[in-house]
């Protein structure tokens, strides 16, 4: 089922995806399909992975 509405990040009217982490409804350009999260959460995941690699946690 497709949802059309206003993207919570950029404000465009578009088909929406739901971020698996924060629950925001975001358009395709604001959604990281490979991680199933919005671009804001995706940047946090990437930062977290980089930090973990530096400390040897991954």
PDB file of N, CA and C in Angstrom:
ATOM      1  N   UNK A   1       0.839  -1.174   0.000  1.00  0.00           N
ATOM      2  CA  UNK A   1       0.000   0.000   0.000  1.00  0.00           C
ATOM      3  C   UNK A   1       0.893   1.249   0.000  1.00  0.00           C
ATOM      4  N   UNK A   2       0.713   2.091  -0.993  1.00  0.00           N
ATOM      5  CA  UNK A   2       1.478   3.316  -1.069  1.00  0.00           C
ATOM      6  C   UNK A   2       0.799   4.421  -0.285  1.00  0.00           C
ATOM      7  N   UNK A   3       1.610   5.207   0.391  1.00  0.00           N
ATOM      8  CA  UNK A   3       1.109   6.379   1.096  1.00  0.00           C
ATOM      9  C   UNK A   3       1.634   7.613   0.407  1.00  0.00           C
ATOM     10  N   UNK A   4       0.778   8.576   0.197  1.00  0.00           N
ATOM     11  CA  UNK A   4       1.191   9.852  -0.372  1.00  0.00           C
ATOM     12  C   UNK A   4       0.974  10.907   0.692  1.00  0.00           C
ATOM     13  N   UNK A   5       1.957  11.776   0.852  1.00  0.00           N
ATOM     14  CA  UNK A   5       1.846  12.824   1.851  1.00  0.00           C
ATOM     15  C   UNK A   5       3.047  13.735   1.812  1.00  0.00           C
ATOM     16  N   UNK A   6       3.293  14.439   2.887  1.00  0.00           N
ATOM     17  CA  UNK A   6       4.387  15.400   2.978  1.00  0.00           C
ATOM     18  C   UNK A   6       5.563  14.757   3.709  1.00  0.00           C
ATOM     19  N   UNK A   7       6.719  14.807   3.077  1.00  0.00           N
ATOM     20  CA  UNK A   7       7.942  14.243   3.649  1.00  0.00           C
ATOM     21  C   UNK A   7       8.307  14.995   4.927  1.00  0.00           C
ATOM     22  N   UNK A   8       8.612  14.252   5.973  1.00  0.00           N
ATOM     23  CA  UNK A   8       8.967  14.848   7.266  1.00  0.00           C
ATOM     24  C   UNK A   8      10.333  15.539   7.255  1.00  0.00           C
ATOM     25  N   UNK A   9      11.146  15.272   6.240  1.00  0.00           N
ATOM     26  CA  UNK A   9      12.475  15.885   6.189  1.00  0.00           C
ATOM     27  C   UNK A   9      12.507  17.070   5.226  1.00  0.00           C
ATOM     28  N   UNK A  10      12.114  16.849   3.965  1.00  0.00           N
ATOM     29  CA  UNK A  10      12.260  17.927   2.972  1.00  0.00           C
ATOM     30  C   UNK A  10      10.960  18.665   2.676  1.00  0.00           C
ATOM     31  N   UNK A  11       9.820  18.112   3.101  1.00  0.00           N
ATOM     32  CA  UNK A  11       8.543  18.787   2.908  1.00  0.00           C
ATOM     33  C   UNK A  11       7.896  18.596   1.551  1.00  0.00           C
ATOM     34  N   UNK A  12       8.498  17.775   0.685  1.00  0.00           N
ATOM     35  CA  UNK A  12       7.896  17.545  -0.627  1.00  0.00           C
ATOM     36  C   UNK A  12       6.678  16.627  -0.506  1.00  0.00           C
ATOM     37  N   UNK A  13       5.739  16.779  -1.447  1.00  0.00           N
ATOM     38  CA  UNK A  13       4.575  15.900  -1.505  1.00  0.00           C
ATOM     39  C   UNK A  13       4.945  14.739  -2.415  1.00  0.00           C
ATOM     40  N   UNK A  14       4.885  13.525  -1.894  1.00  0.00           N
ATOM     41  CA  UNK A  14       5.387  12.368  -2.622  1.00  0.00           C
ATOM     42  C   UNK A  14       4.862  11.080  -2.011  1.00  0.00           C
ATOM     43  N   UNK A  15       5.207   9.959  -2.662  1.00  0.00           N
ATOM     44  CA  UNK A  15       4.993   8.656  -2.031  1.00  0.00           C
ATOM     45  C   UNK A  15       5.939   8.585  -0.838  1.00  0.00           C
ATOM     46  N   UNK A  16       5.487   8.002   0.249  1.00  0.00           N
ATOM     47  CA  UNK A  16       6.267   8.021   1.487  1.00  0.00           C
ATOM     48  C   UNK A  16       6.716   6.634   1.914  1.00  0.00           C
ATOM     49  N   UNK A  17       7.846   6.594   2.570  1.00  0.00           N
ATOM     50  CA  UNK A  17       8.398   5.394   3.180  1.00  0.00           C
ATOM     51  C   UNK A  17       8.482   5.645   4.682  1.00  0.00           C
ATOM     52  N   UNK A  18       8.388   4.588   5.476  1.00  0.00           N
ATOM     53  CA  UNK A  18       8.485   4.724   6.927  1.00  0.00           C
ATOM     54  C   UNK A  18       9.865   4.291   7.395  1.00  0.00           C
ATOM     55  N   UNK A  19      10.542   5.157   8.129  1.00  0.00           N
ATOM     56  CA  UNK A  19      11.852   4.841   8.683  1.00  0.00           C
ATOM     57  C   UNK A  19      11.698   3.766   9.762  1.00  0.00           C
ATOM     58  N   UNK A  20      12.523   2.733   9.662  1.00  0.00           N
ATOM     59  CA  UNK A  20      12.461   1.625  10.618  1.00  0.00           C
ATOM     60  C   UNK A  20      12.952   2.024  12.008  1.00  0.00           C
ATOM     61  N   UNK A  21      13.735   3.101  12.103  1.00  0.00           N
ATOM     62  CA  UNK A  21      14.251   3.516  13.406  1.00  0.00           C
ATOM     63  C   UNK A  21      13.393   4.562  14.091  1.00  0.00           C
ATOM     64  N   UNK A  22      13.125   5.675  13.389  1.00  0.00           N
ATOM     65  CA  UNK A  22      12.429   6.782  14.046  1.00  0.00           C
ATOM     66  C   UNK A  22      10.939   6.864  13.697  1.00  0.00           C
ATOM     67  N   UNK A  23      10.508   6.143  12.660  1.00  0.00           N
ATOM     68  CA  UNK A  23       9.094   6.139  12.290  1.00  0.00           C
ATOM     69  C   UNK A  23       8.658   7.302  11.419  1.00  0.00           C
ATOM     70  N   UNK A  24       9.596   8.200  11.046  1.00  0.00           N
ATOM     71  CA  UNK A  24       9.237   9.319  10.167  1.00  0.00           C
ATOM     72  C   UNK A  24       8.748   8.795   8.824  1.00  0.00           C
ATOM     73  N   UNK A  25       7.817   9.543   8.220  1.00  0.00           N
ATOM     74  CA  UNK A  25       7.374   9.263   6.863  1.00  0.00           C
ATOM     75  C   UNK A  25       8.150  10.181   5.945  1.00  0.00           C
ATOM     76  N   UNK A  26       8.955   9.592   5.042  1.00  0.00           N
ATOM     77  CA  UNK A  26       9.840  10.376   4.185  1.00  0.00           C
ATOM     78  C   UNK A  26       9.735   9.933   2.726  1.00  0.00           C
ATOM     79  N   UNK A  27      10.066  10.875   1.820  1.00  0.00           N
ATOM     80  CA  UNK A  27      10.027  10.590   0.383  1.00  0.00           C
ATOM     81  C   UNK A  27      11.214   9.698  -0.006  1.00  0.00           C
ATOM     82  N   UNK A  28      11.214   9.254  -1.270  1.00  0.00           N
ATOM     83  CA  UNK A  28      12.284   8.368  -1.742  1.00  0.00           C
ATOM     84  C   UNK A  28      13.662   9.007  -1.676  1.00  0.00           C
ATOM     85  N   UNK A  29      13.769  10.313  -1.958  1.00  0.00           N
ATOM     86  CA  UNK A  29      15.101  10.928  -1.941  1.00  0.00           C
ATOM     87  C   UNK A  29      15.638  11.112  -0.518  1.00  0.00           C
ATOM     88  N   UNK A  30      14.769  11.095   0.467  1.00  0.00           N
ATOM     89  CA  UNK A  30      15.184  11.226   1.867  1.00  0.00           C
ATOM     90  C   UNK A  30      15.230   9.874   2.579  1.00  0.00           C
ATOM     91  N   UNK A  31      15.144   8.774   1.813  1.00  0.00           N
ATOM     92  CA  UNK A  31      15.087   7.436   2.386  1.00  0.00           C
ATOM     93  C   UNK A  31      16.253   6.606   1.884  1.00  0.00           C
ATOM     94  N   UNK A  32      16.939   5.920   2.772  1.00  0.00           N
ATOM     95  CA  UNK A  32      18.022   5.012   2.415  1.00  0.00           C
ATOM     96  C   UNK A  32      17.414   3.616   2.299  1.00  0.00           C
ATOM     97  N   UNK A  33      17.112   3.212   1.069  1.00  0.00           N
ATOM     98  CA  UNK A  33      16.433   1.933   0.840  1.00  0.00           C
ATOM     99  C   UNK A  33      17.289   0.732   1.243  1.00  0.00           C
ATOM    100  N   UNK A  34      18.603   0.868   1.157  1.00  0.00           N
ATOM    101  CA  UNK A  34      19.470  -0.260   1.506  1.00  0.00           C
ATOM    102  C   UNK A  34      19.456  -0.545   3.011  1.00  0.00           C
ATOM    103  N   UNK A  35      19.182   0.481   3.820  1.00  0.00           N
ATOM    104  CA  UNK A  35      19.142   0.309   5.276  1.00  0.00           C
ATOM    105  C   UNK A  35      17.726   0.379   5.841  1.00  0.00           C
ATOM    106  N   UNK A  36      16.756   0.761   4.999  1.00  0.00           N
ATOM    107  CA  UNK A  36      15.350   0.886   5.391  1.00  0.00           C
ATOM    108  C   UNK A  36      15.130   1.951   6.471  1.00  0.00           C
ATOM    109  N   UNK A  37      15.919   3.034   6.367  1.00  0.00           N
ATOM    110  CA  UNK A  37      15.816   4.144   7.317  1.00  0.00           C
ATOM    111  C   UNK A  37      15.880   5.475   6.570  1.00  0.00           C
ATOM    112  N   UNK A  38      15.476   6.558   7.240  1.00  0.00           N
ATOM    113  CA  UNK A  38      15.570   7.885   6.628  1.00  0.00           C
ATOM    114  C   UNK A  38      17.034   8.317   6.579  1.00  0.00           C
ATOM    115  N   UNK A  39      17.326   9.350   5.773  1.00  0.00           N
ATOM    116  CA  UNK A  39      18.722   9.774   5.605  1.00  0.00           C
ATOM    117  C   UNK A  39      19.303  10.328   6.902  1.00  0.00           C
ATOM    118  N   UNK A  40      18.482  10.881   7.777  1.00  0.00           N
ATOM    119  CA  UNK A  40      19.013  11.373   9.049  1.00  0.00           C
ATOM    120  C   UNK A  40      19.425  10.218   9.951  1.00  0.00           C
ATOM    121  N   UNK A  41      18.610   9.182  10.020  1.00  0.00           N
ATOM    122  CA  UNK A  41      18.985   8.007  10.825  1.00  0.00           C
ATOM    123  C   UNK A  41      20.141   7.262  10.174  1.00  0.00           C
ATOM    124  N   UNK A  42      20.152   7.214   8.844  1.00  0.00           N
ATOM    125  CA  UNK A  42      21.229   6.538   8.122  1.00  0.00           C
ATOM    126  C   UNK A  42      22.571   7.181   8.426  1.00  0.00           C
ATOM    127  N   UNK A  43      22.620   8.494   8.483  1.00  0.00           N
ATOM    128  CA  UNK A  43      23.888   9.157   8.791  1.00  0.00           C
ATOM    129  C   UNK A  43      24.335   8.822  10.216  1.00  0.00           C
ATOM    130  N   UNK A  44      23.399   8.644  11.119  1.00  0.00           N
ATOM    131  CA  UNK A  44      23.735   8.234  12.482  1.00  0.00           C
ATOM    132  C   UNK A  44      24.247   6.813  12.529  1.00  0.00           C
ATOM    133  N   UNK A  45      23.676   5.939  11.701  1.00  0.00           N
ATOM    134  CA  UNK A  45      24.128   4.544  11.642  1.00  0.00           C
ATOM    135  C   UNK A  45      25.547   4.490  11.098  1.00  0.00           C
ATOM    136  N   UNK A  46      25.797   5.248  10.034  1.00  0.00           N
ATOM    137  CA  UNK A  46      27.125   5.265   9.432  1.00  0.00           C
ATOM    138  C   UNK A  46      28.143   5.785  10.430  1.00  0.00           C
ATOM    139  N   UNK A  47      27.824   6.885  11.137  1.00  0.00           N
ATOM    140  CA  UNK A  47      28.722   7.440  12.138  1.00  0.00           C
ATOM    141  C   UNK A  47      28.976   6.420  13.241  1.00  0.00           C
ATOM    142  N   UNK A  48      27.922   5.749  13.689  1.00  0.00           N
ATOM    143  CA  UNK A  48      28.051   4.759  14.750  1.00  0.00           C
ATOM    144  C   UNK A  48      28.938   3.599  14.306  1.00  0.00           C
ATOM    145  N   UNK A  49      28.760   3.141  13.052  1.00  0.00           N
ATOM    146  CA  UNK A  49      29.584   2.042  12.540  1.00  0.00           C
ATOM    147  C   UNK A  49      31.037   2.465  12.460  1.00  0.00           C
ATOM    148  N   UNK A  50      31.293   3.700  12.023  1.00  0.00           N
ATOM    149  CA  UNK A  50      32.666   4.194  11.922  1.00  0.00           C
ATOM    150  C   UNK A  50      33.299   4.278  13.299  1.00  0.00           C
ATOM    151  N   UNK A  51      32.560   4.744  14.284  1.00  0.00           N
ATOM    152  CA  UNK A  51      33.081   4.855  15.646  1.00  0.00           C
ATOM    153  C   UNK A  51      33.393   3.468  16.206  1.00  0.00           C
ATOM    154  N   UNK A  52      32.513   2.521  15.949  1.00  0.00           N
ATOM    155  CA  UNK A  52      32.708   1.166  16.450  1.00  0.00           C
ATOM    156  C   UNK A  52      33.917   0.519  15.803  1.00  0.00           C
ATOM    157  N   UNK A  53      34.138   0.772  14.513  1.00  0.00           N
ATOM    158  CA  UNK A  53      35.292   0.197  13.828  1.00  0.00           C
ATOM    159  C   UNK A  53      36.578   0.758  14.421  1.00  0.00           C
ATOM    160  N   UNK A  54      36.602   2.033  14.751  1.00  0.00           N
ATOM    161  CA  UNK A  54      37.802   2.659  15.308  1.00  0.00           C
ATOM    162  C   UNK A  54      38.124   2.116  16.689  1.00  0.00           C
ATOM    163  N   UNK A  55      37.115   1.748  17.457  1.00  0.00           N
ATOM    164  CA  UNK A  55      37.343   1.240  18.815  1.00  0.00           C
ATOM    165  C   UNK A  55      37.464  -0.268  18.849  1.00  0.00           C
ATOM    166  N   UNK A  56      37.301  -0.907  17.681  1.00  0.00           N
ATOM    167  CA  UNK A  56      37.451  -2.364  17.601  1.00  0.00           C
ATOM    168  C   UNK A  56      36.222  -3.130  18.025  1.00  0.00           C
ATOM    169  N   UNK A  57      35.070  -2.491  18.063  1.00  0.00           N
ATOM    170  CA  UNK A  57      33.856  -3.193  18.473  1.00  0.00           C
ATOM    171  C   UNK A  57      33.214  -3.986  17.354  1.00  0.00           C
ATOM    172  N   UNK A  58      33.613  -3.718  16.108  1.00  0.00           N
ATOM    173  CA  UNK A  58      33.046  -4.484  14.984  1.00  0.00           C
ATOM    174  C   UNK A  58      34.126  -5.388  14.431  1.00  0.00           C
TER     175      UNK A  58
END
